N, C-alpha and C. Protein backbone atom coordinates (compact mmCIF):
# COMPACT_ATOMS: atom_id res chain seq x y z
N MET A 1 -19.35 13.79 5.23
CA MET A 1 -18.85 14.36 6.49
C MET A 1 -17.42 13.90 6.70
N LEU A 2 -16.58 14.79 7.23
CA LEU A 2 -15.19 14.46 7.49
C LEU A 2 -15.02 14.16 8.97
N PHE A 3 -14.51 12.98 9.27
CA PHE A 3 -14.29 12.57 10.64
C PHE A 3 -12.80 12.70 10.95
N GLY A 4 -12.47 13.06 12.20
CA GLY A 4 -11.07 13.23 12.54
C GLY A 4 -10.77 12.88 13.99
N THR A 5 -9.57 12.36 14.22
CA THR A 5 -9.06 12.11 15.57
C THR A 5 -7.58 12.42 15.55
N GLN A 6 -6.96 12.35 16.71
CA GLN A 6 -5.51 12.55 16.80
C GLN A 6 -4.84 11.21 17.06
N ASP A 7 -3.98 10.80 16.18
CA ASP A 7 -3.21 9.58 16.36
C ASP A 7 -2.17 9.82 17.45
N PRO A 8 -1.93 8.85 18.35
CA PRO A 8 -0.94 9.06 19.41
C PRO A 8 0.49 9.13 18.90
N LYS A 9 0.75 8.66 17.70
CA LYS A 9 2.11 8.69 17.17
C LYS A 9 2.51 10.12 16.86
N TYR A 10 3.65 10.55 17.34
CA TYR A 10 4.06 11.93 17.12
C TYR A 10 5.58 12.02 17.01
N GLN A 11 6.02 13.15 16.45
CA GLN A 11 7.44 13.44 16.32
C GLN A 11 7.87 14.36 17.45
N THR A 12 9.15 14.34 17.75
CA THR A 12 9.71 15.29 18.71
C THR A 12 10.87 16.02 18.05
N GLY A 13 11.04 17.27 18.43
CA GLY A 13 12.16 18.03 17.91
C GLY A 13 11.96 18.45 16.47
N PRO A 14 13.05 18.94 15.83
CA PRO A 14 12.97 19.40 14.44
C PRO A 14 12.72 18.22 13.51
N PRO A 15 12.13 18.47 12.34
CA PRO A 15 11.86 17.38 11.41
C PRO A 15 13.13 16.82 10.81
N LEU A 16 13.08 15.55 10.44
CA LEU A 16 14.19 14.96 9.71
C LEU A 16 14.41 15.71 8.41
N ARG A 17 15.67 15.75 7.97
CA ARG A 17 16.02 16.38 6.70
C ARG A 17 16.46 15.33 5.70
N ALA A 18 16.52 15.72 4.44
CA ALA A 18 16.95 14.80 3.40
C ALA A 18 18.33 14.24 3.71
N GLU A 19 19.18 15.05 4.35
CA GLU A 19 20.55 14.63 4.66
C GLU A 19 20.59 13.55 5.74
N ASP A 20 19.46 13.36 6.45
CA ASP A 20 19.44 12.42 7.56
C ASP A 20 19.10 10.99 7.14
N VAL A 21 18.69 10.80 5.89
CA VAL A 21 18.26 9.47 5.46
C VAL A 21 19.35 8.80 4.62
N GLY A 22 19.24 7.49 4.46
CA GLY A 22 20.27 6.74 3.77
C GLY A 22 20.28 6.96 2.26
N ALA A 23 21.38 6.52 1.66
CA ALA A 23 21.54 6.70 0.22
C ALA A 23 20.57 5.85 -0.58
N ASP A 24 19.98 4.83 0.05
CA ASP A 24 19.04 3.95 -0.65
C ASP A 24 17.61 4.50 -0.63
N VAL A 25 17.42 5.67 -0.06
CA VAL A 25 16.08 6.25 0.09
C VAL A 25 15.86 7.31 -0.99
N ILE A 26 14.71 7.24 -1.67
CA ILE A 26 14.31 8.27 -2.63
C ILE A 26 13.80 9.47 -1.84
N VAL A 27 14.28 10.65 -2.15
CA VAL A 27 13.86 11.87 -1.46
C VAL A 27 12.93 12.66 -2.36
N SER A 28 11.72 12.91 -1.88
CA SER A 28 10.78 13.73 -2.63
C SER A 28 11.35 15.14 -2.80
N PRO A 29 11.21 15.74 -3.98
CA PRO A 29 11.79 17.07 -4.21
C PRO A 29 11.34 18.12 -3.18
N ASP A 30 10.10 18.06 -2.75
CA ASP A 30 9.61 19.07 -1.80
C ASP A 30 10.29 18.95 -0.45
N ALA A 31 10.80 17.78 -0.11
CA ALA A 31 11.49 17.60 1.17
C ALA A 31 12.89 18.20 1.15
N ARG A 32 13.33 18.67 -0.01
CA ARG A 32 14.63 19.35 -0.11
C ARG A 32 14.49 20.87 -0.08
N ARG A 33 13.27 21.38 -0.02
CA ARG A 33 13.07 22.83 0.01
C ARG A 33 13.64 23.41 1.30
N GLU A 34 14.11 24.65 1.21
CA GLU A 34 14.60 25.33 2.41
C GLU A 34 13.46 25.54 3.40
N SER A 35 12.30 25.96 2.90
CA SER A 35 11.10 26.09 3.71
C SER A 35 10.12 25.02 3.26
N ARG A 36 9.82 24.06 4.13
CA ARG A 36 9.08 22.87 3.72
C ARG A 36 7.59 22.92 4.04
N VAL A 37 7.13 23.97 4.66
CA VAL A 37 5.70 24.09 4.99
C VAL A 37 5.04 25.00 3.96
N PRO A 38 4.11 24.49 3.15
CA PRO A 38 3.49 25.30 2.09
C PRO A 38 2.64 26.44 2.66
N PRO A 39 2.28 27.41 1.83
CA PRO A 39 1.43 28.52 2.27
C PRO A 39 0.12 28.01 2.87
N GLY A 40 -0.28 28.65 3.98
CA GLY A 40 -1.55 28.30 4.61
C GLY A 40 -1.52 27.06 5.46
N GLN A 41 -0.34 26.41 5.59
CA GLN A 41 -0.21 25.18 6.36
C GLN A 41 0.53 25.44 7.67
N SER A 42 0.32 24.55 8.66
CA SER A 42 1.08 24.57 9.90
C SER A 42 1.61 23.18 10.17
N ARG A 43 2.83 23.12 10.70
CA ARG A 43 3.41 21.82 11.00
C ARG A 43 2.74 21.20 12.21
N THR A 44 2.41 19.90 12.13
CA THR A 44 1.98 19.13 13.28
C THR A 44 3.01 18.06 13.57
N LYS A 45 3.25 17.79 14.84
CA LYS A 45 4.16 16.71 15.21
C LYS A 45 3.40 15.40 15.42
N LYS A 46 2.07 15.49 15.44
CA LYS A 46 1.26 14.28 15.52
C LYS A 46 0.89 13.85 14.10
N TRP A 47 0.11 12.80 14.01
CA TRP A 47 -0.37 12.33 12.71
C TRP A 47 -1.89 12.23 12.79
N PRO A 48 -2.60 13.33 12.50
CA PRO A 48 -4.06 13.31 12.60
C PRO A 48 -4.68 12.26 11.68
N VAL A 49 -5.83 11.77 12.11
CA VAL A 49 -6.59 10.78 11.34
C VAL A 49 -7.84 11.45 10.80
N LEU A 50 -7.98 11.48 9.49
CA LEU A 50 -9.14 12.07 8.85
C LEU A 50 -9.66 11.11 7.79
N HIS A 51 -10.99 10.96 7.75
CA HIS A 51 -11.59 10.14 6.71
C HIS A 51 -13.03 10.59 6.48
N ALA A 52 -13.56 10.27 5.33
CA ALA A 52 -14.88 10.75 4.94
C ALA A 52 -16.01 9.87 5.46
N GLY A 53 -15.74 8.63 5.76
CA GLY A 53 -16.79 7.71 6.20
C GLY A 53 -16.20 6.60 7.04
N ARG A 54 -16.65 5.38 6.78
CA ARG A 54 -16.21 4.23 7.57
C ARG A 54 -14.78 3.84 7.23
N VAL A 55 -14.13 3.21 8.18
CA VAL A 55 -12.80 2.64 7.96
C VAL A 55 -12.99 1.17 7.60
N PRO A 56 -12.64 0.77 6.36
CA PRO A 56 -12.89 -0.62 5.97
C PRO A 56 -11.90 -1.58 6.62
N THR A 57 -12.36 -2.80 6.83
CA THR A 57 -11.50 -3.88 7.29
C THR A 57 -11.18 -4.76 6.09
N VAL A 58 -9.89 -4.89 5.79
CA VAL A 58 -9.47 -5.64 4.60
C VAL A 58 -8.52 -6.75 5.05
N PRO A 59 -9.02 -7.97 5.25
CA PRO A 59 -8.13 -9.09 5.61
C PRO A 59 -7.09 -9.32 4.52
N LEU A 60 -5.87 -9.61 4.91
CA LEU A 60 -4.79 -9.74 3.94
C LEU A 60 -5.02 -10.89 2.95
N ASP A 61 -5.70 -11.96 3.40
CA ASP A 61 -5.94 -13.06 2.48
C ASP A 61 -7.00 -12.74 1.43
N ARG A 62 -7.71 -11.61 1.61
CA ARG A 62 -8.71 -11.19 0.63
C ARG A 62 -8.31 -9.91 -0.09
N TRP A 63 -7.21 -9.31 0.32
CA TRP A 63 -6.75 -8.07 -0.29
C TRP A 63 -6.27 -8.32 -1.71
N ARG A 64 -6.67 -7.45 -2.62
CA ARG A 64 -6.21 -7.49 -4.00
C ARG A 64 -5.93 -6.06 -4.46
N LEU A 65 -4.92 -5.92 -5.31
CA LEU A 65 -4.65 -4.64 -5.95
C LEU A 65 -4.70 -4.87 -7.46
N GLU A 66 -5.59 -4.14 -8.13
CA GLU A 66 -5.77 -4.28 -9.56
C GLU A 66 -5.27 -3.03 -10.29
N VAL A 67 -4.65 -3.24 -11.43
CA VAL A 67 -4.25 -2.16 -12.32
C VAL A 67 -4.86 -2.47 -13.68
N GLY A 68 -5.73 -1.55 -14.16
CA GLY A 68 -6.45 -1.83 -15.40
C GLY A 68 -6.68 -0.58 -16.21
N GLY A 69 -7.67 -0.65 -17.10
CA GLY A 69 -7.91 0.45 -18.02
C GLY A 69 -7.00 0.34 -19.23
N LEU A 70 -6.36 1.45 -19.57
CA LEU A 70 -5.52 1.53 -20.77
C LEU A 70 -4.12 0.97 -20.51
N VAL A 71 -4.06 -0.34 -20.31
CA VAL A 71 -2.79 -1.03 -20.11
C VAL A 71 -2.77 -2.28 -20.99
N GLU A 72 -1.58 -2.70 -21.36
CA GLU A 72 -1.44 -3.91 -22.18
C GLU A 72 -1.58 -5.18 -21.34
N ARG A 73 -1.16 -5.11 -20.07
CA ARG A 73 -1.17 -6.30 -19.22
C ARG A 73 -1.82 -5.97 -17.88
N PRO A 74 -3.14 -6.10 -17.76
CA PRO A 74 -3.80 -5.82 -16.49
C PRO A 74 -3.21 -6.67 -15.36
N LEU A 75 -3.14 -6.05 -14.17
CA LEU A 75 -2.58 -6.73 -13.00
C LEU A 75 -3.66 -7.00 -11.97
N ARG A 76 -3.53 -8.11 -11.27
CA ARG A 76 -4.38 -8.40 -10.12
C ARG A 76 -3.50 -9.13 -9.10
N LEU A 77 -3.03 -8.38 -8.13
CA LEU A 77 -2.04 -8.88 -7.19
C LEU A 77 -2.66 -9.27 -5.86
N THR A 78 -2.26 -10.43 -5.33
CA THR A 78 -2.57 -10.76 -3.95
C THR A 78 -1.58 -10.05 -3.04
N TRP A 79 -1.83 -10.13 -1.73
CA TRP A 79 -0.91 -9.51 -0.78
C TRP A 79 0.48 -10.14 -0.88
N ASP A 80 0.54 -11.47 -0.98
CA ASP A 80 1.84 -12.13 -1.08
C ASP A 80 2.56 -11.73 -2.36
N GLU A 81 1.84 -11.62 -3.46
CA GLU A 81 2.46 -11.22 -4.72
C GLU A 81 2.96 -9.77 -4.65
N PHE A 82 2.18 -8.92 -4.02
CA PHE A 82 2.59 -7.53 -3.83
C PHE A 82 3.87 -7.45 -3.01
N GLN A 83 3.97 -8.26 -1.97
CA GLN A 83 5.14 -8.24 -1.10
C GLN A 83 6.40 -8.74 -1.80
N GLN A 84 6.24 -9.52 -2.84
CA GLN A 84 7.40 -10.06 -3.56
C GLN A 84 7.95 -9.12 -4.61
N LEU A 85 7.26 -8.01 -4.89
CA LEU A 85 7.74 -7.05 -5.88
C LEU A 85 8.93 -6.25 -5.32
N PRO A 86 9.77 -5.70 -6.20
CA PRO A 86 10.86 -4.84 -5.72
C PRO A 86 10.32 -3.68 -4.88
N ARG A 87 11.02 -3.37 -3.81
CA ARG A 87 10.53 -2.37 -2.87
C ARG A 87 11.41 -1.12 -2.87
N VAL A 88 10.79 -0.01 -2.48
CA VAL A 88 11.50 1.26 -2.38
C VAL A 88 11.16 1.92 -1.04
N LYS A 89 12.04 2.84 -0.63
CA LYS A 89 11.77 3.71 0.50
C LYS A 89 11.74 5.15 -0.01
N VAL A 90 10.78 5.93 0.48
CA VAL A 90 10.62 7.31 0.03
C VAL A 90 10.53 8.22 1.26
N PHE A 91 11.38 9.23 1.29
CA PHE A 91 11.34 10.24 2.34
C PHE A 91 10.57 11.45 1.80
N ALA A 92 9.47 11.82 2.49
CA ALA A 92 8.61 12.87 1.95
C ALA A 92 7.82 13.54 3.05
N ASP A 93 7.39 14.76 2.76
CA ASP A 93 6.47 15.48 3.63
C ASP A 93 5.04 15.18 3.20
N PHE A 94 4.10 15.45 4.10
CA PHE A 94 2.71 15.03 3.91
C PHE A 94 1.81 16.22 4.26
N HIS A 95 1.08 16.73 3.28
CA HIS A 95 0.32 17.97 3.45
C HIS A 95 -1.18 17.71 3.29
N CYS A 96 -1.94 17.94 4.34
CA CYS A 96 -3.38 17.77 4.30
C CYS A 96 -4.05 19.08 3.91
N VAL A 97 -5.09 18.99 3.12
CA VAL A 97 -5.82 20.18 2.68
C VAL A 97 -6.45 20.93 3.85
N THR A 98 -6.63 20.25 5.00
CA THR A 98 -7.19 20.90 6.18
C THR A 98 -6.15 21.72 6.95
N GLN A 99 -5.01 21.98 6.31
CA GLN A 99 -4.02 22.97 6.73
C GLN A 99 -2.98 22.48 7.74
N TRP A 100 -2.79 21.16 7.83
CA TRP A 100 -1.66 20.67 8.61
C TRP A 100 -0.69 19.91 7.72
N SER A 101 0.58 19.94 8.13
CA SER A 101 1.64 19.24 7.41
C SER A 101 2.45 18.42 8.39
N ARG A 102 2.69 17.16 8.04
CA ARG A 102 3.57 16.30 8.84
C ARG A 102 4.85 16.10 8.03
N LEU A 103 5.94 16.60 8.56
CA LEU A 103 7.21 16.61 7.83
C LEU A 103 8.06 15.37 8.15
N GLY A 104 8.84 14.93 7.16
CA GLY A 104 9.83 13.90 7.40
C GLY A 104 9.29 12.50 7.58
N ASN A 105 8.38 12.06 6.70
CA ASN A 105 7.85 10.71 6.75
C ASN A 105 8.72 9.77 5.92
N LEU A 106 8.91 8.56 6.41
CA LEU A 106 9.61 7.54 5.65
C LEU A 106 8.62 6.45 5.27
N TRP A 107 8.28 6.43 3.99
CA TRP A 107 7.33 5.45 3.46
C TRP A 107 8.09 4.29 2.83
N GLU A 108 7.51 3.10 2.87
CA GLU A 108 8.10 1.96 2.19
C GLU A 108 7.01 1.15 1.51
N GLY A 109 7.32 0.67 0.31
CA GLY A 109 6.35 -0.12 -0.44
C GLY A 109 6.84 -0.37 -1.85
N VAL A 110 5.91 -0.33 -2.81
CA VAL A 110 6.22 -0.61 -4.21
C VAL A 110 6.04 0.67 -5.02
N ALA A 111 7.03 1.00 -5.82
CA ALA A 111 6.99 2.22 -6.61
C ALA A 111 5.86 2.15 -7.64
N VAL A 112 5.17 3.26 -7.81
CA VAL A 112 4.17 3.37 -8.87
C VAL A 112 4.79 3.03 -10.23
N LYS A 113 6.00 3.50 -10.46
CA LYS A 113 6.67 3.23 -11.75
C LYS A 113 6.83 1.72 -11.99
N GLU A 114 7.06 0.96 -10.94
CA GLU A 114 7.20 -0.49 -11.08
C GLU A 114 5.89 -1.12 -11.56
N LEU A 115 4.78 -0.70 -10.98
CA LEU A 115 3.48 -1.24 -11.39
C LEU A 115 3.15 -0.83 -12.82
N LEU A 116 3.41 0.42 -13.16
CA LEU A 116 3.11 0.88 -14.52
C LEU A 116 3.98 0.17 -15.54
N ARG A 117 5.21 -0.10 -15.19
CA ARG A 117 6.11 -0.82 -16.10
C ARG A 117 5.58 -2.23 -16.35
N ARG A 118 5.15 -2.90 -15.28
CA ARG A 118 4.65 -4.26 -15.42
C ARG A 118 3.34 -4.30 -16.21
N ALA A 119 2.50 -3.29 -16.02
CA ALA A 119 1.22 -3.26 -16.72
C ALA A 119 1.35 -2.77 -18.17
N SER A 120 2.40 -2.01 -18.47
CA SER A 120 2.65 -1.45 -19.80
C SER A 120 1.50 -0.52 -20.23
N VAL A 121 1.64 0.73 -19.87
CA VAL A 121 0.60 1.73 -20.11
C VAL A 121 0.50 2.06 -21.60
N LYS A 122 -0.71 2.14 -22.10
CA LYS A 122 -0.94 2.48 -23.50
C LYS A 122 -0.73 3.98 -23.73
N PRO A 123 -0.32 4.38 -24.92
CA PRO A 123 0.01 5.79 -25.19
C PRO A 123 -1.15 6.75 -24.99
N GLU A 124 -2.38 6.29 -25.15
CA GLU A 124 -3.52 7.19 -25.04
C GLU A 124 -3.92 7.49 -23.59
N ALA A 125 -3.30 6.83 -22.62
CA ALA A 125 -3.59 7.10 -21.21
C ALA A 125 -3.06 8.47 -20.81
N ARG A 126 -3.90 9.26 -20.17
CA ARG A 126 -3.51 10.61 -19.73
C ARG A 126 -3.80 10.85 -18.25
N TYR A 127 -4.71 10.07 -17.69
CA TYR A 127 -5.13 10.29 -16.30
C TYR A 127 -5.22 8.96 -15.56
N VAL A 128 -5.29 9.07 -14.25
CA VAL A 128 -5.41 7.90 -13.38
C VAL A 128 -6.59 8.10 -12.45
N VAL A 129 -7.35 7.03 -12.22
CA VAL A 129 -8.40 7.02 -11.20
C VAL A 129 -8.01 5.97 -10.17
N ALA A 130 -7.84 6.39 -8.92
CA ALA A 130 -7.51 5.48 -7.83
C ALA A 130 -8.77 5.21 -7.02
N THR A 131 -9.05 3.93 -6.78
CA THR A 131 -10.27 3.51 -6.08
C THR A 131 -9.90 2.81 -4.79
N GLY A 132 -10.59 3.16 -3.71
CA GLY A 132 -10.34 2.55 -2.41
C GLY A 132 -11.34 1.47 -2.06
N TYR A 133 -11.05 0.75 -0.99
CA TYR A 133 -11.96 -0.26 -0.48
C TYR A 133 -13.13 0.35 0.28
N ASP A 134 -13.10 1.64 0.53
CA ASP A 134 -14.16 2.30 1.30
C ASP A 134 -15.31 2.68 0.39
N ASP A 135 -16.13 1.69 0.06
CA ASP A 135 -17.36 1.90 -0.71
C ASP A 135 -17.12 2.58 -2.05
N GLY A 136 -16.02 2.21 -2.71
CA GLY A 136 -15.78 2.72 -4.05
C GLY A 136 -15.30 4.15 -4.13
N TRP A 137 -14.77 4.69 -3.04
CA TRP A 137 -14.22 6.05 -3.03
C TRP A 137 -13.14 6.17 -4.09
N THR A 138 -13.12 7.29 -4.82
CA THR A 138 -12.12 7.49 -5.88
C THR A 138 -11.49 8.87 -5.77
N THR A 139 -10.32 8.99 -6.38
CA THR A 139 -9.70 10.28 -6.62
C THR A 139 -8.99 10.21 -7.97
N ASN A 140 -8.81 11.36 -8.60
CA ASN A 140 -8.24 11.43 -9.94
C ASN A 140 -6.92 12.19 -9.93
N LEU A 141 -6.02 11.78 -10.82
CA LEU A 141 -4.72 12.43 -10.94
C LEU A 141 -4.28 12.43 -12.40
N PRO A 142 -3.57 13.47 -12.82
CA PRO A 142 -2.90 13.38 -14.12
C PRO A 142 -1.84 12.29 -14.07
N LEU A 143 -1.69 11.54 -15.14
CA LEU A 143 -0.68 10.49 -15.18
C LEU A 143 0.71 11.07 -14.93
N ALA A 144 0.96 12.29 -15.37
CA ALA A 144 2.27 12.91 -15.16
C ALA A 144 2.61 13.07 -13.68
N ASP A 145 1.61 13.32 -12.83
CA ASP A 145 1.85 13.42 -11.39
C ASP A 145 1.94 12.05 -10.74
N PHE A 146 1.12 11.13 -11.23
CA PHE A 146 1.09 9.78 -10.67
C PHE A 146 2.39 9.04 -10.96
N ASP A 147 2.89 9.17 -12.17
CA ASP A 147 4.10 8.46 -12.61
C ASP A 147 5.34 9.26 -12.22
N SER A 148 5.52 9.41 -10.91
CA SER A 148 6.61 10.21 -10.36
C SER A 148 7.56 9.32 -9.58
N ASP A 149 8.82 9.71 -9.53
CA ASP A 149 9.82 8.89 -8.84
C ASP A 149 9.49 8.69 -7.36
N ASP A 150 8.81 9.65 -6.75
CA ASP A 150 8.53 9.57 -5.31
C ASP A 150 7.14 9.03 -4.99
N ALA A 151 6.38 8.59 -5.98
CA ALA A 151 5.04 8.03 -5.75
C ALA A 151 5.13 6.53 -5.54
N LEU A 152 4.38 6.00 -4.58
CA LEU A 152 4.44 4.58 -4.28
C LEU A 152 3.14 4.09 -3.66
N ILE A 153 2.99 2.77 -3.65
CA ILE A 153 1.94 2.12 -2.88
C ILE A 153 2.61 1.67 -1.59
N ALA A 154 2.27 2.33 -0.49
CA ALA A 154 2.99 2.14 0.77
C ALA A 154 2.24 1.20 1.71
N ASP A 155 3.00 0.32 2.36
CA ASP A 155 2.44 -0.52 3.43
C ASP A 155 3.16 -0.31 4.76
N LEU A 156 4.26 0.46 4.72
CA LEU A 156 4.98 0.80 5.95
C LEU A 156 5.15 2.30 6.05
N HIS A 157 5.05 2.83 7.27
CA HIS A 157 5.28 4.24 7.54
C HIS A 157 6.19 4.34 8.75
N ASP A 158 7.32 5.00 8.57
CA ASP A 158 8.32 5.11 9.65
C ASP A 158 8.64 3.74 10.24
N GLY A 159 8.74 2.74 9.37
CA GLY A 159 9.15 1.41 9.78
C GLY A 159 8.07 0.52 10.36
N GLU A 160 6.83 1.01 10.42
CA GLU A 160 5.74 0.24 11.02
C GLU A 160 4.64 0.02 9.99
N PRO A 161 3.93 -1.13 10.07
CA PRO A 161 2.80 -1.36 9.16
C PRO A 161 1.75 -0.27 9.31
N LEU A 162 1.17 0.11 8.19
CA LEU A 162 0.11 1.11 8.22
C LEU A 162 -1.11 0.58 8.95
N SER A 163 -1.62 1.37 9.88
CA SER A 163 -2.87 1.00 10.55
C SER A 163 -4.04 1.24 9.62
N ALA A 164 -5.17 0.64 9.95
CA ALA A 164 -6.37 0.85 9.13
C ALA A 164 -6.76 2.32 9.11
N ASP A 165 -6.61 3.02 10.23
CA ASP A 165 -6.96 4.45 10.28
C ASP A 165 -6.17 5.27 9.28
N HIS A 166 -4.95 4.85 8.99
CA HIS A 166 -4.10 5.60 8.07
C HIS A 166 -4.04 4.98 6.67
N GLY A 167 -4.97 4.08 6.38
CA GLY A 167 -5.07 3.57 5.02
C GLY A 167 -4.55 2.18 4.80
N GLY A 168 -4.15 1.48 5.88
CA GLY A 168 -3.65 0.13 5.73
C GLY A 168 -4.75 -0.85 5.34
N PRO A 169 -4.36 -1.95 4.71
CA PRO A 169 -3.00 -2.49 4.58
C PRO A 169 -2.06 -1.69 3.67
N ALA A 170 -2.59 -1.05 2.62
CA ALA A 170 -1.71 -0.32 1.70
C ALA A 170 -2.45 0.87 1.13
N ARG A 171 -1.74 1.96 0.95
CA ARG A 171 -2.34 3.17 0.42
C ARG A 171 -1.43 3.78 -0.64
N LEU A 172 -2.01 4.60 -1.46
CA LEU A 172 -1.25 5.38 -2.43
C LEU A 172 -0.61 6.57 -1.72
N ILE A 173 0.62 6.88 -2.10
CA ILE A 173 1.30 8.08 -1.61
C ILE A 173 1.84 8.85 -2.82
N VAL A 174 1.31 10.05 -3.01
CA VAL A 174 1.79 10.97 -4.06
C VAL A 174 2.20 12.24 -3.33
N PRO A 175 3.45 12.34 -2.87
CA PRO A 175 3.84 13.38 -1.92
C PRO A 175 3.69 14.81 -2.40
N GLN A 176 3.75 15.04 -3.71
CA GLN A 176 3.75 16.42 -4.20
C GLN A 176 2.36 17.01 -4.39
N LEU A 177 1.33 16.25 -4.02
CA LEU A 177 -0.04 16.77 -4.04
C LEU A 177 -0.63 16.67 -2.63
N TYR A 178 -1.72 17.42 -2.39
CA TYR A 178 -2.41 17.31 -1.11
C TYR A 178 -2.75 15.85 -0.81
N ALA A 179 -2.84 15.53 0.47
CA ALA A 179 -2.91 14.13 0.91
C ALA A 179 -4.18 13.41 0.48
N TRP A 180 -5.28 14.13 0.16
CA TRP A 180 -6.47 13.39 -0.24
C TRP A 180 -6.26 12.67 -1.58
N LYS A 181 -5.27 13.11 -2.36
CA LYS A 181 -4.95 12.43 -3.61
C LYS A 181 -4.22 11.10 -3.36
N SER A 182 -3.70 10.91 -2.15
CA SER A 182 -3.00 9.67 -1.78
C SER A 182 -4.01 8.70 -1.19
N ALA A 183 -4.77 8.06 -2.06
CA ALA A 183 -5.94 7.28 -1.66
C ALA A 183 -5.61 6.22 -0.61
N LYS A 184 -6.38 6.24 0.48
CA LYS A 184 -6.28 5.20 1.50
C LYS A 184 -6.91 3.89 1.00
N TRP A 185 -6.53 2.79 1.66
CA TRP A 185 -7.16 1.47 1.42
C TRP A 185 -7.25 1.17 -0.07
N LEU A 186 -6.14 1.34 -0.76
CA LEU A 186 -6.15 1.27 -2.22
C LEU A 186 -6.57 -0.12 -2.72
N ARG A 187 -7.46 -0.13 -3.67
CA ARG A 187 -7.97 -1.37 -4.25
C ARG A 187 -7.69 -1.48 -5.74
N ARG A 188 -7.77 -0.34 -6.46
CA ARG A 188 -7.67 -0.40 -7.91
C ARG A 188 -7.09 0.89 -8.47
N ILE A 189 -6.32 0.74 -9.56
CA ILE A 189 -5.77 1.86 -10.31
C ILE A 189 -6.20 1.69 -11.76
N ASP A 190 -6.86 2.70 -12.32
CA ASP A 190 -7.28 2.65 -13.70
C ASP A 190 -6.61 3.76 -14.49
N LEU A 191 -6.04 3.41 -15.63
CA LEU A 191 -5.48 4.38 -16.57
C LEU A 191 -6.58 4.73 -17.57
N VAL A 192 -6.85 6.03 -17.73
CA VAL A 192 -7.98 6.46 -18.56
C VAL A 192 -7.55 7.60 -19.50
N PRO A 193 -8.31 7.81 -20.60
CA PRO A 193 -7.92 8.84 -21.57
C PRO A 193 -8.34 10.24 -21.18
N GLU A 194 -9.39 10.36 -20.36
CA GLU A 194 -9.92 11.67 -19.98
C GLU A 194 -10.08 11.75 -18.47
N ASP A 195 -10.07 12.97 -17.97
CA ASP A 195 -10.16 13.18 -16.53
C ASP A 195 -11.53 12.76 -15.99
N ARG A 196 -11.52 12.14 -14.79
CA ARG A 196 -12.75 11.71 -14.13
C ARG A 196 -12.69 12.16 -12.67
N PRO A 197 -13.24 13.32 -12.35
CA PRO A 197 -13.19 13.80 -10.97
C PRO A 197 -13.72 12.77 -9.98
N GLY A 198 -13.03 12.66 -8.83
CA GLY A 198 -13.39 11.67 -7.83
C GLY A 198 -14.32 12.23 -6.76
N TYR A 199 -14.33 11.56 -5.61
CA TYR A 199 -15.29 11.87 -4.54
C TYR A 199 -15.17 13.32 -4.07
N TRP A 200 -14.00 13.71 -3.58
CA TRP A 200 -13.84 15.06 -3.05
C TRP A 200 -13.84 16.10 -4.17
N GLU A 201 -13.33 15.74 -5.33
CA GLU A 201 -13.32 16.68 -6.44
C GLU A 201 -14.74 17.05 -6.86
N GLN A 202 -15.65 16.08 -6.84
CA GLN A 202 -17.04 16.36 -7.19
C GLN A 202 -17.74 17.20 -6.12
N LEU A 203 -17.20 17.17 -4.89
CA LEU A 203 -17.78 17.96 -3.81
C LEU A 203 -17.14 19.34 -3.68
N GLY A 204 -16.24 19.70 -4.61
CA GLY A 204 -15.71 21.05 -4.62
C GLY A 204 -14.24 21.20 -4.37
N TYR A 205 -13.53 20.09 -4.05
CA TYR A 205 -12.09 20.21 -3.91
C TYR A 205 -11.45 20.42 -5.28
N HIS A 206 -10.25 20.98 -5.28
CA HIS A 206 -9.57 21.28 -6.53
C HIS A 206 -9.29 20.01 -7.31
N ASN A 207 -9.32 20.09 -8.61
CA ASN A 207 -9.12 18.90 -9.44
C ASN A 207 -7.67 18.43 -9.45
N HIS A 208 -6.73 19.34 -9.12
CA HIS A 208 -5.31 18.97 -9.15
C HIS A 208 -4.73 18.79 -7.76
N GLY A 209 -4.73 19.86 -6.94
CA GLY A 209 -4.32 19.71 -5.55
C GLY A 209 -2.86 19.96 -5.24
N ASP A 210 -2.27 21.01 -5.82
CA ASP A 210 -0.88 21.37 -5.53
C ASP A 210 -0.85 22.20 -4.25
N PRO A 211 -0.20 21.71 -3.17
CA PRO A 211 -0.17 22.48 -1.92
C PRO A 211 0.62 23.77 -2.00
N TRP A 212 1.57 23.87 -2.92
CA TRP A 212 2.42 25.05 -2.97
C TRP A 212 1.75 26.22 -3.66
N THR A 213 0.68 25.97 -4.40
CA THR A 213 -0.12 27.05 -4.98
C THR A 213 -1.52 27.08 -4.37
N GLU A 214 -1.69 26.37 -3.25
CA GLU A 214 -2.94 26.32 -2.48
C GLU A 214 -4.15 25.96 -3.37
N GLU A 215 -4.00 24.90 -4.13
CA GLU A 215 -5.11 24.40 -4.95
C GLU A 215 -6.02 23.53 -4.06
N ARG A 216 -6.72 24.22 -3.16
CA ARG A 216 -7.59 23.52 -2.21
C ARG A 216 -8.97 23.24 -2.79
N PHE A 217 -9.55 24.26 -3.40
CA PHE A 217 -10.93 24.16 -3.86
C PHE A 217 -11.02 24.59 -5.32
N GLY A 218 -12.00 23.99 -6.02
CA GLY A 218 -12.18 24.29 -7.43
C GLY A 218 -12.82 25.64 -7.64
C-alpha cells in the first residue's frame, strides 16, 4: 500500500533555473530543458510524502552505508566517515511516478562516483541494487544510470537535513529517473552482473523508469 501526506515545505513563484545556482553546483541535464515537466506530470510547489510502509528510525550512531558485490574494496561507512568524504551539491528536478514533479531542488551529499571510485567496481558489474533500512526494500538500476555525474547520496535538501519522511538520514538521488529509483533510508549498494528487479518493479512498475518516455509500468 502507498501512503501519502503533504509536507508543509513548499516553493513560491517560478522554479529556480540552472542560471540561478552557483558555479560550484552540478546541474542535472534535465534541469536545463526548456520545458522541465515531463509528459503526464504536473508541477507541485509542495513536497508530497509517499512511502510503501513504515518510516524507519535510524539513529546516526547506528547508521551504516555499505557498498559491496562486484567491487575490489567493499565499503562500510559510519555516519562520521560518510560526513568526512568530499561533498557535492546537485541542482535537479524530482519526478514522482504518481504524476507530480517538484522543480529546482538543491541536494547536497556524496557523489555516487566518489563511492564507486573508492570501492573500485569490477568490470563484470552491469547493474546496481539499492537497499533501504525499511525492511529490506530494494530497487534496481543499470550501472550506466547510477554512475552519473548528477547522482548522489544526499543528506541535505535545500540546505536542510533530510527528514525521516523524505528518506533521512541519507537517501539515494538519481535525478534522471522516476523518484522511486532514488531509494530512501539508504543502507546498502550492491554491484551485480545481472538485473534484479526490486520491490516496486516486482509489483509492476517499469524496470527502468525514464520520466521523459513515461516508463511508469512494465
